[in-house]
């Protein structure tokens, strides 16, 4: 991870509405209104990883030196992320971020989306 501080290392898990907690099926974020480029991001996870539309990232509060609402670069994904969601399961000895890959709350294909998350999540040594 680059941006704060340089060369910070953390694992990455891909996440969608299928696995988002709480509640499952939701794309609502914990820190709505993060400012980026002079405007608030809103209250839903999203993004495409570009500078103007960074991907939503979630972490356990205090488990990372990256402050909430900060944009940072994830080299494995080659995308920009913004820390704007809370991940209760992200606490522990190995710091990690859940990165939003899409899916809305009304999708009927949650099982296939969960499989996609597993496929896209990098091995721990690559993040």
C-alpha atoms as a PDB file:
ATOM      1  CA  UNK A   1       0.000   0.000   0.000  1.00  0.00           C
ATOM      2  CA  UNK A   2       1.334   3.438  -0.834  1.00  0.00           C
ATOM      3  CA  UNK A   3       0.190   6.819   0.372  1.00  0.00           C
ATOM      4  CA  UNK A   4       0.228   6.625   4.165  1.00  0.00           C
ATOM      5  CA  UNK A   5       2.756   5.598   5.219  1.00  0.00           C
ATOM      6  CA  UNK A   6       4.888   4.566   2.248  1.00  0.00           C
ATOM      7  CA  UNK A   7       5.179   0.825   1.731  1.00  0.00           C
ATOM      8  CA  UNK A   8       2.637  -0.232   4.353  1.00  0.00           C
ATOM      9  CA  UNK A   9       1.805  -3.936   4.052  1.00  0.00           C
ATOM     10  CA  UNK A  10      -1.688  -5.341   4.585  1.00  0.00           C
ATOM     11  CA  UNK A  11      -3.708  -8.278   3.302  1.00  0.00           C
ATOM     12  CA  UNK A  12      -6.622  -7.679   0.923  1.00  0.00           C
ATOM     13  CA  UNK A  13      -9.992  -9.439   0.834  1.00  0.00           C
ATOM     14  CA  UNK A  14     -12.516  -8.737  -1.903  1.00  0.00           C
ATOM     15  CA  UNK A  15     -16.010  -7.933  -0.667  1.00  0.00           C
ATOM     16  CA  UNK A  16     -19.474  -7.358  -2.137  1.00  0.00           C
ATOM     17  CA  UNK A  17     -23.019  -6.985  -0.885  1.00  0.00           C
ATOM     18  CA  UNK A  18     -23.069 -10.790  -0.574  1.00  0.00           C
ATOM     19  CA  UNK A  19     -20.548 -10.797   2.273  1.00  0.00           C
ATOM     20  CA  UNK A  20     -20.849  -7.248   3.627  1.00  0.00           C
ATOM     21  CA  UNK A  21     -21.563  -7.153   7.353  1.00  0.00           C
ATOM     22  CA  UNK A  22     -23.516  -5.683   8.908  1.00  0.00           C
ATOM     23  CA  UNK A  23     -25.997  -6.356   7.390  1.00  0.00           C
ATOM     24  CA  UNK A  24     -25.464  -8.933   4.658  1.00  0.00           C
ATOM     25  CA  UNK A  25     -26.787  -7.694   1.343  1.00  0.00           C
ATOM     26  CA  UNK A  26     -26.038  -4.062   2.163  1.00  0.00           C
ATOM     27  CA  UNK A  27     -23.711  -1.666   0.390  1.00  0.00           C
ATOM     28  CA  UNK A  28     -24.006   1.057   3.052  1.00  0.00           C
ATOM     29  CA  UNK A  29     -20.665   2.298   4.425  1.00  0.00           C
ATOM     30  CA  UNK A  30     -19.719   3.197   7.999  1.00  0.00           C
ATOM     31  CA  UNK A  31     -18.154   6.593   7.266  1.00  0.00           C
ATOM     32  CA  UNK A  32     -20.453   8.394   4.816  1.00  0.00           C
ATOM     33  CA  UNK A  33     -19.369  11.779   3.647  1.00  0.00           C
ATOM     34  CA  UNK A  34     -15.621  11.184   3.274  1.00  0.00           C
ATOM     35  CA  UNK A  35     -14.324  14.131   1.310  1.00  0.00           C
ATOM     36  CA  UNK A  36     -12.295  13.503  -1.841  1.00  0.00           C
ATOM     37  CA  UNK A  37     -11.584  16.064  -4.531  1.00  0.00           C
ATOM     38  CA  UNK A  38     -13.758  18.587  -2.713  1.00  0.00           C
ATOM     39  CA  UNK A  39     -16.971  16.585  -2.557  1.00  0.00           C
ATOM     40  CA  UNK A  40     -18.499  13.984  -0.276  1.00  0.00           C
ATOM     41  CA  UNK A  41     -18.405  10.411  -1.548  1.00  0.00           C
ATOM     42  CA  UNK A  42     -21.870   9.458  -0.350  1.00  0.00           C
ATOM     43  CA  UNK A  43     -23.153   6.636   1.833  1.00  0.00           C
ATOM     44  CA  UNK A  44     -22.723   3.579  -0.412  1.00  0.00           C
ATOM     45  CA  UNK A  45     -19.692   1.455  -1.302  1.00  0.00           C
ATOM     46  CA  UNK A  46     -18.462   1.722  -4.845  1.00  0.00           C
ATOM     47  CA  UNK A  47     -15.763   3.095  -7.090  1.00  0.00           C
ATOM     48  CA  UNK A  48     -13.670   1.891  -9.991  1.00  0.00           C
ATOM     49  CA  UNK A  49     -10.195   2.412  -8.507  1.00  0.00           C
ATOM     50  CA  UNK A  50      -9.384   5.586 -10.435  1.00  0.00           C
ATOM     51  CA  UNK A  51      -8.217   8.852  -8.869  1.00  0.00           C
ATOM     52  CA  UNK A  52     -11.639  10.436  -9.316  1.00  0.00           C
ATOM     53  CA  UNK A  53     -13.558   7.365  -8.092  1.00  0.00           C
ATOM     54  CA  UNK A  54     -11.462   5.323  -5.622  1.00  0.00           C
ATOM     55  CA  UNK A  55     -12.696   1.875  -4.550  1.00  0.00           C
ATOM     56  CA  UNK A  56     -14.240   1.558  -1.087  1.00  0.00           C
ATOM     57  CA  UNK A  57     -11.949  -0.112   1.448  1.00  0.00           C
ATOM     58  CA  UNK A  58     -12.909  -1.274   4.937  1.00  0.00           C
ATOM     59  CA  UNK A  59     -10.662  -1.929   7.943  1.00  0.00           C
ATOM     60  CA  UNK A  60     -11.024  -2.351  11.672  1.00  0.00           C
ATOM     61  CA  UNK A  61     -10.678   1.050  13.397  1.00  0.00           C
ATOM     62  CA  UNK A  62      -7.176   1.484  14.795  1.00  0.00           C
ATOM     63  CA  UNK A  63      -5.782  -1.604  13.049  1.00  0.00           C
ATOM     64  CA  UNK A  64      -4.022   0.376  10.325  1.00  0.00           C
ATOM     65  CA  UNK A  65      -1.929   3.568  10.222  1.00  0.00           C
ATOM     66  CA  UNK A  66      -4.087   4.780   7.330  1.00  0.00           C
ATOM     67  CA  UNK A  67      -6.699   7.198   8.699  1.00  0.00           C
ATOM     68  CA  UNK A  68     -10.330   6.926   7.669  1.00  0.00           C
ATOM     69  CA  UNK A  69     -11.275   8.890   4.558  1.00  0.00           C
ATOM     70  CA  UNK A  70      -7.691   8.693   3.239  1.00  0.00           C
ATOM     71  CA  UNK A  71      -7.035   7.652  -0.371  1.00  0.00           C
ATOM     72  CA  UNK A  72      -4.148   5.208  -0.880  1.00  0.00           C
ATOM     73  CA  UNK A  73      -2.728   2.979  -3.614  1.00  0.00           C
ATOM     74  CA  UNK A  74      -2.871  -0.845  -3.592  1.00  0.00           C
ATOM     75  CA  UNK A  75      -0.115  -2.120  -5.935  1.00  0.00           C
ATOM     76  CA  UNK A  76      -1.453  -5.679  -6.282  1.00  0.00           C
ATOM     77  CA  UNK A  77      -4.779  -4.330  -7.553  1.00  0.00           C
ATOM     78  CA  UNK A  78      -3.187  -1.352  -9.322  1.00  0.00           C
ATOM     79  CA  UNK A  79      -6.079   0.700  -7.936  1.00  0.00           C
ATOM     80  CA  UNK A  80      -6.671   3.600  -5.591  1.00  0.00           C
ATOM     81  CA  UNK A  81      -8.699   2.830  -2.469  1.00  0.00           C
ATOM     82  CA  UNK A  82     -10.423   5.052   0.062  1.00  0.00           C
ATOM     83  CA  UNK A  83     -10.779   3.900   3.669  1.00  0.00           C
ATOM     84  CA  UNK A  84     -14.479   4.690   4.210  1.00  0.00           C
ATOM     85  CA  UNK A  85     -15.973   1.578   5.797  1.00  0.00           C
ATOM     86  CA  UNK A  86     -15.571  -0.409   9.013  1.00  0.00           C
ATOM     87  CA  UNK A  87     -14.741  -4.113   9.010  1.00  0.00           C
ATOM     88  CA  UNK A  88     -15.347  -5.778  12.403  1.00  0.00           C
ATOM     89  CA  UNK A  89     -13.736  -9.015  11.179  1.00  0.00           C
ATOM     90  CA  UNK A  90     -10.578  -7.180  10.039  1.00  0.00           C
ATOM     91  CA  UNK A  91      -9.103  -7.022  13.547  1.00  0.00           C
ATOM     92  CA  UNK A  92      -6.316  -9.388  14.478  1.00  0.00           C
ATOM     93  CA  UNK A  93      -2.601  -9.847  14.137  1.00  0.00           C
ATOM     94  CA  UNK A  94      -2.520  -9.487  10.323  1.00  0.00           C
ATOM     95  CA  UNK A  95      -3.836  -6.088   9.251  1.00  0.00           C
ATOM     96  CA  UNK A  96      -6.119  -6.266   6.256  1.00  0.00           C
ATOM     97  CA  UNK A  97      -8.614  -4.352   4.177  1.00  0.00           C
ATOM     98  CA  UNK A  98     -11.831  -5.544   2.611  1.00  0.00           C
ATOM     99  CA  UNK A  99     -12.065  -3.994  -0.864  1.00  0.00           C
ATOM    100  CA  UNK A 100     -15.448  -3.456  -2.523  1.00  0.00           C
ATOM    101  CA  UNK A 101     -15.870  -5.283  -5.848  1.00  0.00           C
ATOM    102  CA  UNK A 102     -19.523  -4.443  -6.457  1.00  0.00           C
ATOM    103  CA  UNK A 103     -22.972  -5.854  -6.133  1.00  0.00           C
ATOM    104  CA  UNK A 104     -26.085  -4.147  -4.914  1.00  0.00           C
ATOM    105  CA  UNK A 105     -28.416  -5.039  -2.082  1.00  0.00           C
ATOM    106  CA  UNK A 106     -31.036  -6.519  -4.418  1.00  0.00           C
ATOM    107  CA  UNK A 107     -28.900  -9.048  -6.259  1.00  0.00           C
ATOM    108  CA  UNK A 108     -30.284 -12.578  -6.509  1.00  0.00           C
ATOM    109  CA  UNK A 109     -26.897 -14.129  -7.260  1.00  0.00           C
ATOM    110  CA  UNK A 110     -25.216 -13.840  -3.874  1.00  0.00           C
ATOM    111  CA  UNK A 111     -23.647 -17.330  -3.965  1.00  0.00           C
ATOM    112  CA  UNK A 112     -21.945 -16.736  -7.323  1.00  0.00           C
ATOM    113  CA  UNK A 113     -20.781 -13.298  -6.168  1.00  0.00           C
ATOM    114  CA  UNK A 114     -19.200 -14.898  -3.073  1.00  0.00           C
ATOM    115  CA  UNK A 115     -17.294 -17.288  -5.347  1.00  0.00           C
ATOM    116  CA  UNK A 116     -16.107 -14.326  -7.408  1.00  0.00           C
ATOM    117  CA  UNK A 117     -14.826 -12.663  -4.213  1.00  0.00           C
ATOM    118  CA  UNK A 118     -12.755 -15.741  -3.392  1.00  0.00           C
ATOM    119  CA  UNK A 119     -11.338 -15.859  -6.905  1.00  0.00           C
ATOM    120  CA  UNK A 120     -10.329 -12.168  -6.865  1.00  0.00           C
ATOM    121  CA  UNK A 121      -8.879 -12.103  -3.342  1.00  0.00           C
ATOM    122  CA  UNK A 122      -5.083 -12.318  -3.680  1.00  0.00           C
ATOM    123  CA  UNK A 123      -2.951 -14.845  -1.831  1.00  0.00           C
ATOM    124  CA  UNK A 124      -1.688 -13.354   1.458  1.00  0.00           C
ATOM    125  CA  UNK A 125       1.864 -13.114   0.079  1.00  0.00           C
ATOM    126  CA  UNK A 126       0.752 -10.919  -2.853  1.00  0.00           C
ATOM    127  CA  UNK A 127      -1.250  -8.167  -1.139  1.00  0.00           C
END
